[in-house]
């Protein structure tokens, strides 16, 4: 994600849409300036929405599809 200065300042939620099913999981800091989501399996065609916020209250949303 362009412009993120330090991943430990961010947290959020990942929403995965798989056909008619919707799964949500927390996005957490994982060391080495990375963010990680655990417990979610992704497959071709899944649609994802990552909603992130920083410690200052600023937020962003990223949407993408697994190819």
C-alpha atoms as a PDB file:
ATOM      1  CA  UNK A   1       0.000   0.000   0.000  1.00  0.00           C
ATOM      2  CA  UNK A   2       1.669   3.129  -1.208  1.00  0.00           C
ATOM      3  CA  UNK A   3       2.199   5.820   1.394  1.00  0.00           C
ATOM      4  CA  UNK A   4       2.014   3.730   4.566  1.00  0.00           C
ATOM      5  CA  UNK A   5       4.859   4.814   6.796  1.00  0.00           C
ATOM      6  CA  UNK A   6       4.721   2.214   9.559  1.00  0.00           C
ATOM      7  CA  UNK A   7       2.393  -0.785   9.548  1.00  0.00           C
ATOM      8  CA  UNK A   8       2.222  -0.897  13.368  1.00  0.00           C
ATOM      9  CA  UNK A   9       0.136   2.302  13.204  1.00  0.00           C
ATOM     10  CA  UNK A  10      -2.638   0.570  11.242  1.00  0.00           C
ATOM     11  CA  UNK A  11      -5.371  -1.944  11.964  1.00  0.00           C
ATOM     12  CA  UNK A  12      -8.588  -2.851  10.263  1.00  0.00           C
ATOM     13  CA  UNK A  13     -10.932  -5.470   8.918  1.00  0.00           C
ATOM     14  CA  UNK A  14     -10.846  -7.593   5.772  1.00  0.00           C
ATOM     15  CA  UNK A  15     -14.155  -8.610   4.236  1.00  0.00           C
ATOM     16  CA  UNK A  16     -14.068 -11.520   1.773  1.00  0.00           C
ATOM     17  CA  UNK A  17     -17.013 -12.169  -0.546  1.00  0.00           C
ATOM     18  CA  UNK A  18     -16.984 -15.739  -1.900  1.00  0.00           C
ATOM     19  CA  UNK A  19     -20.074 -16.233  -4.022  1.00  0.00           C
ATOM     20  CA  UNK A  20     -22.955 -15.740  -1.585  1.00  0.00           C
ATOM     21  CA  UNK A  21     -20.764 -16.089   1.532  1.00  0.00           C
ATOM     22  CA  UNK A  22     -19.227 -13.227   3.467  1.00  0.00           C
ATOM     23  CA  UNK A  23     -16.273 -13.666   5.855  1.00  0.00           C
ATOM     24  CA  UNK A  24     -14.647 -10.992   8.013  1.00  0.00           C
ATOM     25  CA  UNK A  25     -11.276 -11.066   9.748  1.00  0.00           C
ATOM     26  CA  UNK A  26      -9.090  -8.595  11.606  1.00  0.00           C
ATOM     27  CA  UNK A  27      -6.068  -7.038   9.914  1.00  0.00           C
ATOM     28  CA  UNK A  28      -3.212  -6.745  12.406  1.00  0.00           C
ATOM     29  CA  UNK A  29       0.426  -5.673  12.476  1.00  0.00           C
ATOM     30  CA  UNK A  30       2.743  -8.663  12.043  1.00  0.00           C
ATOM     31  CA  UNK A  31       6.252  -7.238  12.469  1.00  0.00           C
ATOM     32  CA  UNK A  32       8.771  -6.193   9.836  1.00  0.00           C
ATOM     33  CA  UNK A  33       6.421  -3.384   8.737  1.00  0.00           C
ATOM     34  CA  UNK A  34       3.758  -5.806   7.468  1.00  0.00           C
ATOM     35  CA  UNK A  35       0.054  -6.373   8.059  1.00  0.00           C
ATOM     36  CA  UNK A  36      -1.481  -9.856   8.249  1.00  0.00           C
ATOM     37  CA  UNK A  37      -4.877 -11.528   8.208  1.00  0.00           C
ATOM     38  CA  UNK A  38      -5.183 -14.990   9.735  1.00  0.00           C
ATOM     39  CA  UNK A  39      -7.859 -17.645   9.259  1.00  0.00           C
ATOM     40  CA  UNK A  40      -9.087 -16.670   5.799  1.00  0.00           C
ATOM     41  CA  UNK A  41      -8.766 -18.884   2.727  1.00  0.00           C
ATOM     42  CA  UNK A  42      -8.812 -17.089  -0.614  1.00  0.00           C
ATOM     43  CA  UNK A  43      -9.656 -18.449  -4.031  1.00  0.00           C
ATOM     44  CA  UNK A  44      -9.958 -17.337  -7.613  1.00  0.00           C
ATOM     45  CA  UNK A  45     -12.760 -14.816  -8.106  1.00  0.00           C
ATOM     46  CA  UNK A  46     -13.037 -13.830  -4.426  1.00  0.00           C
ATOM     47  CA  UNK A  47     -13.734 -10.143  -3.873  1.00  0.00           C
ATOM     48  CA  UNK A  48     -11.961  -8.439  -0.977  1.00  0.00           C
ATOM     49  CA  UNK A  49     -12.456  -5.169   0.853  1.00  0.00           C
ATOM     50  CA  UNK A  50      -9.753  -4.026   3.279  1.00  0.00           C
ATOM     51  CA  UNK A  51     -10.808  -1.190   5.582  1.00  0.00           C
ATOM     52  CA  UNK A  52      -7.808   0.268   7.425  1.00  0.00           C
ATOM     53  CA  UNK A  53      -7.467   3.029   9.985  1.00  0.00           C
ATOM     54  CA  UNK A  54      -4.428   4.550  11.650  1.00  0.00           C
ATOM     55  CA  UNK A  55      -3.900   5.600  15.259  1.00  0.00           C
ATOM     56  CA  UNK A  56      -4.796   9.186  14.297  1.00  0.00           C
ATOM     57  CA  UNK A  57      -8.240   8.154  13.062  1.00  0.00           C
ATOM     58  CA  UNK A  58      -7.594   8.483   9.325  1.00  0.00           C
ATOM     59  CA  UNK A  59      -9.074   5.656   7.293  1.00  0.00           C
ATOM     60  CA  UNK A  60      -8.827   4.119   3.825  1.00  0.00           C
ATOM     61  CA  UNK A  61     -10.587   1.365   1.938  1.00  0.00           C
ATOM     62  CA  UNK A  62      -9.042  -0.880  -0.698  1.00  0.00           C
ATOM     63  CA  UNK A  63     -11.067  -3.210  -2.954  1.00  0.00           C
ATOM     64  CA  UNK A  64      -9.688  -5.958  -5.163  1.00  0.00           C
ATOM     65  CA  UNK A  65     -10.469  -9.330  -6.758  1.00  0.00           C
ATOM     66  CA  UNK A  66      -8.308 -12.468  -6.620  1.00  0.00           C
ATOM     67  CA  UNK A  67      -7.405 -13.610 -10.162  1.00  0.00           C
END
